[in-house]
Amino acid sequence: MHVLLTNDDGIEAEGLQALRKALLELPGIELAVIAPDGNRSAMARSITTRRPLWVQEIDFGDRTVGYATDGTPVDCVRLANLGLIEAFEAALVVSGINHGSNLGDDITYSGTVAAALEAIVLGLPGIAVSQQSIAQELDFRAGSGFDFNVAASFTARLVAELESVPLPDGTLLNVNVPGCDPEGVEVTRLGKRVYSDQLALLEGDRGGRRQYRIYGDASYDRDETGTDLAAVAGGKIAVTPIHFDLTDKQGLTALQRYDLARLIAPAASEVEL
C-alpha cells in the first residue's frame, strides 16, 4: 500500500516523526512524506494559488527522505496526487500526529483534518490523528509535553487493518488520543464547542493601529455523551467518522417545498419592460 504522510505542524514536528517511524515498521507499506516546511496550524483547507510552491528534499538520517514545501497541508496532498514523487500514487493519506487535539467544531479550522479531507475529495481514504498533551487540555490550544507512542502505535495498527475496517467510501477517520494512558477506544460523533472569545484591546500606536486579541478559551457540553470531546475527557481514544457532504438533508427537503422561483419573477418582468 502506498501511504502519504503529512501534517500541519511541519515536517520536523515530533508527532509526524513518531508516526513516520511507526508506519515504516509495517510490512507491505511504501511511505512517502510531504509536509509543510513550518507550522501551518489552523489553516483549514487553505490552498496556495497566487504563487508557485517551493519543495525541498529532506534527509531523515535513516536512509529515507521526505519533501518539505512552503505550501499548506492541502497543497501537500495535491503535490503527491499530481506526481511530485515519481512512481508513487497514494492509496491512503494519513495526517498527523497533531500536537494538540482536534475535537468538535475545531475540526473546521484544522489543517490536520483538512489534509485528510482532501484525500476523500480525491477519492482516497484519509486518517487524521491528533494527540492531547500530558496536561490533558480540552480547548483548541496545544499544551506542552507530548507522548506520541500510543497514538503512533494505534494509528499504525489501524492502517494495517484498514481494509477490514467498515469505512464507507468518502469517509475519513478523525482520531484523537488522550494525554494519559487510554482506557479504551470509543467511536464517537463530533461534540459541540462552547467558545469564550472576546475582543480585547492590547495596545495602540501613534499611527492609529490597534492590536487586539480575539480568541479565548473553549469548553464543551459536559452532559453530552457519545461525543469525541466526552470520550477524550474520559481518557479514551475517540474515533470519529467524517464525510465531506455538508448538505443538510432535512433543510433540502424543506426548501424544495418553498417556491423560490417566484423570487425571480419581478426581475424577469423588469427585463421584459
Protein backbone atom coordinates (compact mmCIF):
# COMPACT_ATOMS: atom_id res chain seq x y z
CA MET A 1 0.00 0.00 0.00
CA HIS A 2 1.25 3.48 -0.90
CA VAL A 3 0.71 5.76 2.10
CA LEU A 4 1.19 9.53 2.09
CA LEU A 5 2.06 11.07 5.45
CA THR A 6 1.58 14.80 6.04
CA ASN A 7 0.68 17.19 8.86
CA ASP A 8 0.19 20.87 9.69
CA ASP A 9 2.88 21.26 12.38
CA GLY A 10 5.75 20.96 9.95
CA ILE A 11 7.98 18.20 8.61
CA GLU A 12 10.30 18.30 11.62
CA ALA A 13 7.46 18.04 14.17
CA GLU A 14 7.87 15.30 16.77
CA GLY A 15 4.38 13.94 16.13
CA LEU A 16 4.96 13.39 12.43
CA GLN A 17 8.34 11.80 13.05
CA ALA A 18 6.90 9.38 15.63
CA LEU A 19 4.16 8.31 13.22
CA ARG A 20 6.61 8.09 10.31
CA LYS A 21 8.77 5.60 12.23
CA ALA A 22 5.75 3.52 13.27
CA LEU A 23 4.44 3.33 9.71
CA LEU A 24 7.86 2.36 8.35
CA GLU A 25 7.75 -0.78 10.52
CA LEU A 26 4.62 -2.06 8.77
CA PRO A 27 5.22 -4.75 6.14
CA GLY A 28 3.92 -4.05 2.67
CA ILE A 29 3.84 -0.26 3.15
CA GLU A 30 5.58 2.20 0.86
CA LEU A 31 5.62 5.50 2.73
CA ALA A 32 6.03 8.99 1.26
CA VAL A 33 6.27 12.13 3.38
CA ILE A 34 5.28 15.54 2.07
CA ALA A 35 4.70 18.15 4.74
CA PRO A 36 4.92 21.91 5.29
CA ASP A 37 8.35 23.36 6.00
CA GLY A 38 6.99 25.04 9.14
CA ASN A 39 3.91 25.29 11.30
CA ARG A 40 0.65 25.71 9.37
CA SER A 41 -1.79 25.09 12.22
CA ALA A 42 -5.39 26.33 11.93
CA MET A 43 -5.06 26.93 8.17
CA ALA A 44 -8.02 24.63 7.47
CA ARG A 45 -8.46 23.98 3.73
CA SER A 46 -6.28 26.86 2.58
CA ILE A 47 -4.51 26.35 -0.74
CA THR A 48 -1.77 28.32 -2.46
CA THR A 49 -2.95 29.72 -5.79
CA ARG A 50 -1.18 33.06 -6.28
CA ARG A 51 2.44 31.90 -6.34
CA PRO A 52 4.49 28.78 -7.15
CA LEU A 53 5.44 26.36 -4.38
CA TRP A 54 8.96 25.62 -3.22
CA VAL A 55 9.78 21.98 -2.46
CA GLN A 56 12.96 20.71 -0.79
CA GLU A 57 14.09 17.14 -0.23
CA ILE A 58 14.75 16.41 3.45
CA ASP A 59 17.10 13.63 4.62
CA PHE A 60 15.67 12.00 7.74
CA GLY A 61 19.00 10.38 8.58
CA ASP A 62 17.71 6.81 8.44
CA ARG A 63 18.14 6.19 4.70
CA THR A 64 14.74 7.72 3.97
CA VAL A 65 13.78 11.15 2.74
CA GLY A 66 10.74 13.40 2.72
CA TYR A 67 9.73 16.60 0.99
CA ALA A 68 9.10 19.95 2.65
CA THR A 69 7.07 22.66 0.98
CA ASP A 70 6.22 26.25 1.76
CA GLY A 71 2.60 25.41 0.99
CA THR A 72 -0.32 24.28 3.13
CA PRO A 73 -1.36 20.78 4.28
CA VAL A 74 -3.86 20.59 1.41
CA ASP A 75 -1.11 21.62 -1.01
CA CYS A 76 0.94 18.67 0.27
CA VAL A 77 -1.78 16.20 -0.67
CA ARG A 78 -2.18 17.86 -4.07
CA LEU A 79 1.55 17.70 -4.72
CA ALA A 80 1.51 13.96 -4.12
CA ASN A 81 -1.59 13.44 -6.24
CA LEU A 82 -0.10 15.38 -9.15
CA GLY A 83 3.05 13.25 -9.26
CA LEU A 84 5.71 15.02 -7.19
CA ILE A 85 7.22 11.67 -6.28
CA GLU A 86 7.92 9.51 -9.31
CA ALA A 87 6.06 6.18 -9.45
CA PHE A 88 4.18 6.96 -6.23
CA GLU A 89 0.39 7.09 -6.24
CA ALA A 90 -1.12 7.34 -2.78
CA ALA A 91 -3.78 4.83 -1.76
CA LEU A 92 -4.18 6.37 1.70
CA VAL A 93 -3.46 9.75 3.30
CA VAL A 94 -2.50 9.90 6.97
CA SER A 95 -2.27 13.34 8.57
CA GLY A 96 -0.62 13.91 11.94
CA ILE A 97 0.18 13.32 14.66
CA ASN A 98 -1.03 16.81 15.51
CA HIS A 99 0.36 18.50 18.61
CA GLY A 100 -2.96 19.05 20.37
CA SER A 101 -6.49 17.72 19.96
CA ASN A 102 -8.82 18.39 17.05
CA LEU A 103 -12.25 17.90 18.57
CA GLY A 104 -15.81 19.02 17.88
CA ASP A 105 -16.21 22.25 15.93
CA ASP A 106 -12.43 22.78 15.98
CA ILE A 107 -12.01 20.38 13.06
CA THR A 108 -13.29 23.06 10.67
CA TYR A 109 -10.18 25.13 11.47
CA SER A 110 -7.71 22.26 11.50
CA GLY A 111 -5.02 21.85 8.87
CA THR A 112 -4.54 18.28 10.09
CA VAL A 113 -8.13 17.34 9.33
CA ALA A 114 -8.08 19.39 6.12
CA ALA A 115 -5.35 17.18 4.64
CA ALA A 116 -7.44 14.07 5.35
CA LEU A 117 -10.49 15.81 3.86
CA GLU A 118 -8.50 16.47 0.71
CA ALA A 119 -7.88 12.75 0.48
CA ILE A 120 -11.59 11.94 0.31
CA VAL A 121 -12.10 14.78 -2.19
CA LEU A 122 -9.61 12.89 -4.37
CA GLY A 123 -11.38 9.57 -3.78
CA LEU A 124 -8.88 8.23 -1.23
CA PRO A 125 -9.37 7.14 2.37
CA GLY A 126 -7.95 9.51 4.96
CA ILE A 127 -6.98 9.38 8.62
CA ALA A 128 -6.36 12.46 10.76
CA VAL A 129 -4.59 11.87 14.07
CA SER A 130 -4.24 14.29 16.96
CA GLN A 131 -2.70 13.94 20.41
CA GLN A 132 -3.69 15.70 23.61
CA SER A 133 -0.74 16.91 25.68
CA ILE A 134 0.11 15.39 29.05
CA ALA A 135 -1.65 18.39 30.63
CA GLN A 136 -4.88 16.91 29.17
CA GLU A 137 -6.22 20.27 27.98
CA LEU A 138 -9.59 20.21 26.24
CA ASP A 139 -9.54 23.54 24.45
CA PHE A 140 -8.19 24.12 20.96
CA ARG A 141 -4.79 25.37 22.05
CA ALA A 142 -1.91 22.92 22.12
CA GLY A 143 -0.42 22.25 25.52
CA SER A 144 3.20 21.36 26.17
CA GLY A 145 4.71 17.93 26.64
CA PHE A 146 3.57 15.06 24.46
CA ASP A 147 3.98 11.29 24.46
CA PHE A 148 3.22 10.09 20.93
CA ASN A 149 3.97 6.39 21.46
CA VAL A 150 0.38 5.21 21.92
CA ALA A 151 -1.00 7.41 19.13
CA ALA A 152 1.69 6.27 16.68
CA SER A 153 1.26 2.58 17.54
CA PHE A 154 -2.56 2.73 17.40
CA THR A 155 -2.53 4.53 14.06
CA ALA A 156 -0.04 2.11 12.52
CA ARG A 157 -2.21 -0.84 13.58
CA LEU A 158 -5.29 0.92 12.20
CA VAL A 159 -3.54 1.41 8.87
CA ALA A 160 -2.52 -2.25 8.83
CA GLU A 161 -6.16 -3.32 9.30
CA LEU A 162 -7.79 -0.57 7.25
CA GLU A 163 -9.05 -2.93 4.55
CA SER A 164 -11.05 -4.76 7.23
CA VAL A 165 -12.45 -1.59 8.85
CA PRO A 166 -16.09 -0.96 7.78
CA LEU A 167 -15.34 2.51 6.44
CA PRO A 168 -17.75 3.80 3.76
CA ASP A 169 -16.36 5.48 0.65
CA GLY A 170 -15.92 9.22 1.09
CA THR A 171 -15.38 8.96 4.84
CA LEU A 172 -12.29 9.83 6.86
CA LEU A 173 -11.44 8.85 10.41
CA ASN A 174 -10.64 11.62 12.88
CA VAL A 175 -8.62 10.08 15.71
CA ASN A 176 -7.96 11.89 18.99
CA VAL A 177 -5.73 10.33 21.62
CA PRO A 178 -5.88 11.47 25.27
CA GLY A 179 -2.80 12.69 27.11
CA CYS A 180 -2.99 9.77 29.54
CA ASP A 181 -2.86 6.00 29.11
CA PRO A 182 -6.09 5.31 27.16
CA GLU A 183 -8.84 3.40 28.93
CA GLY A 184 -10.23 2.16 25.63
CA VAL A 185 -11.47 3.31 22.24
CA GLU A 186 -14.86 4.89 21.56
CA VAL A 187 -16.46 5.52 18.17
CA THR A 188 -17.99 8.96 18.55
CA ARG A 189 -19.80 11.82 16.90
CA LEU A 190 -18.47 15.36 16.86
CA GLY A 191 -19.13 17.34 20.02
CA LYS A 192 -20.21 20.95 20.36
CA ARG A 193 -17.68 23.56 21.32
CA VAL A 194 -18.54 26.49 23.58
CA TYR A 195 -16.21 29.33 22.62
CA SER A 196 -15.50 32.12 25.11
CA ASP A 197 -13.97 34.64 22.75
CA GLN A 198 -13.86 38.36 23.40
CA LEU A 199 -12.42 41.46 21.78
CA ALA A 200 -9.54 42.65 23.96
CA LEU A 201 -7.50 45.73 23.04
CA LEU A 202 -3.86 45.09 23.84
CA GLU A 203 -2.15 48.23 22.60
CA GLY A 204 -2.17 51.02 20.04
CA ASP A 205 0.42 53.15 18.30
CA ARG A 206 0.70 56.72 17.05
CA GLY A 207 -0.11 55.65 13.52
CA GLY A 208 -3.63 54.72 14.53
CA ARG A 209 -3.10 50.98 14.53
CA ARG A 210 -4.62 48.93 17.33
CA GLN A 211 -3.72 45.41 18.39
CA TYR A 212 -6.50 43.06 19.51
CA ARG A 213 -6.73 39.59 20.93
CA ILE A 214 -9.99 37.90 19.91
CA TYR A 215 -9.61 34.22 20.84
CA GLY A 216 -10.13 32.89 24.35
CA ASP A 217 -10.90 29.58 25.98
CA ALA A 218 -13.10 26.83 24.56
CA SER A 219 -15.09 24.37 26.63
CA TYR A 220 -17.73 21.77 25.82
CA ASP A 221 -21.08 20.45 26.97
CA ARG A 222 -20.10 18.01 29.71
CA ASP A 223 -23.54 16.39 29.78
CA GLU A 224 -23.38 15.36 26.12
CA THR A 225 -22.33 11.73 25.95
CA GLY A 226 -21.18 9.92 22.85
CA THR A 227 -19.07 12.80 21.57
CA ASP A 228 -15.37 12.97 20.79
CA LEU A 229 -14.93 15.63 23.49
CA ALA A 230 -16.56 13.50 26.17
CA ALA A 231 -14.55 10.41 25.15
CA VAL A 232 -11.18 12.16 25.36
CA ALA A 233 -12.21 13.82 28.63
CA GLY A 234 -12.93 10.31 29.91
CA GLY A 235 -9.48 9.09 28.92
CA LYS A 236 -10.48 7.21 25.77
CA ILE A 237 -9.26 7.36 22.20
CA ALA A 238 -12.03 8.97 20.12
CA VAL A 239 -12.51 7.74 16.55
CA THR A 240 -15.00 9.84 14.59
CA PRO A 241 -16.09 9.07 11.01
CA ILE A 242 -16.46 12.27 8.98
CA HIS A 243 -17.63 12.85 5.43
CA PHE A 244 -17.38 15.88 3.18
CA ASP A 245 -21.03 16.19 2.18
CA LEU A 246 -22.23 19.25 4.11
CA THR A 247 -25.72 19.15 2.63
CA ASP A 248 -28.49 19.45 5.22
CA LYS A 249 -30.85 16.74 4.01
CA GLN A 250 -33.75 17.99 6.16
CA GLY A 251 -33.18 21.56 5.02
CA LEU A 252 -33.04 20.40 1.41
CA THR A 253 -36.47 18.81 1.66
CA ALA A 254 -37.95 21.86 3.38
CA LEU A 255 -36.56 24.29 0.81
CA GLN A 256 -37.80 22.20 -2.09
CA ARG A 257 -41.33 22.74 -0.79
CA TYR A 258 -40.83 26.52 -0.81
CA ASP A 259 -41.47 28.44 -4.03
CA LEU A 260 -38.14 30.15 -4.55
CA ALA A 261 -38.76 30.55 -8.29
CA ARG A 262 -41.30 33.31 -7.63
CA LEU A 263 -38.49 35.49 -6.27
CA ILE A 264 -37.07 35.92 -9.77
CA ALA A 265 -40.42 36.92 -11.32
CA PRO A 266 -40.14 40.69 -10.58
CA ALA A 267 -36.65 40.78 -12.07
CA ALA A 268 -37.89 38.94 -15.18
CA SER A 269 -40.77 41.39 -15.55
CA GLU A 270 -38.45 44.40 -15.35
CA VAL A 271 -36.25 42.96 -18.10
CA GLU A 272 -39.29 42.46 -20.35
CA LEU A 273 -40.31 46.11 -19.87
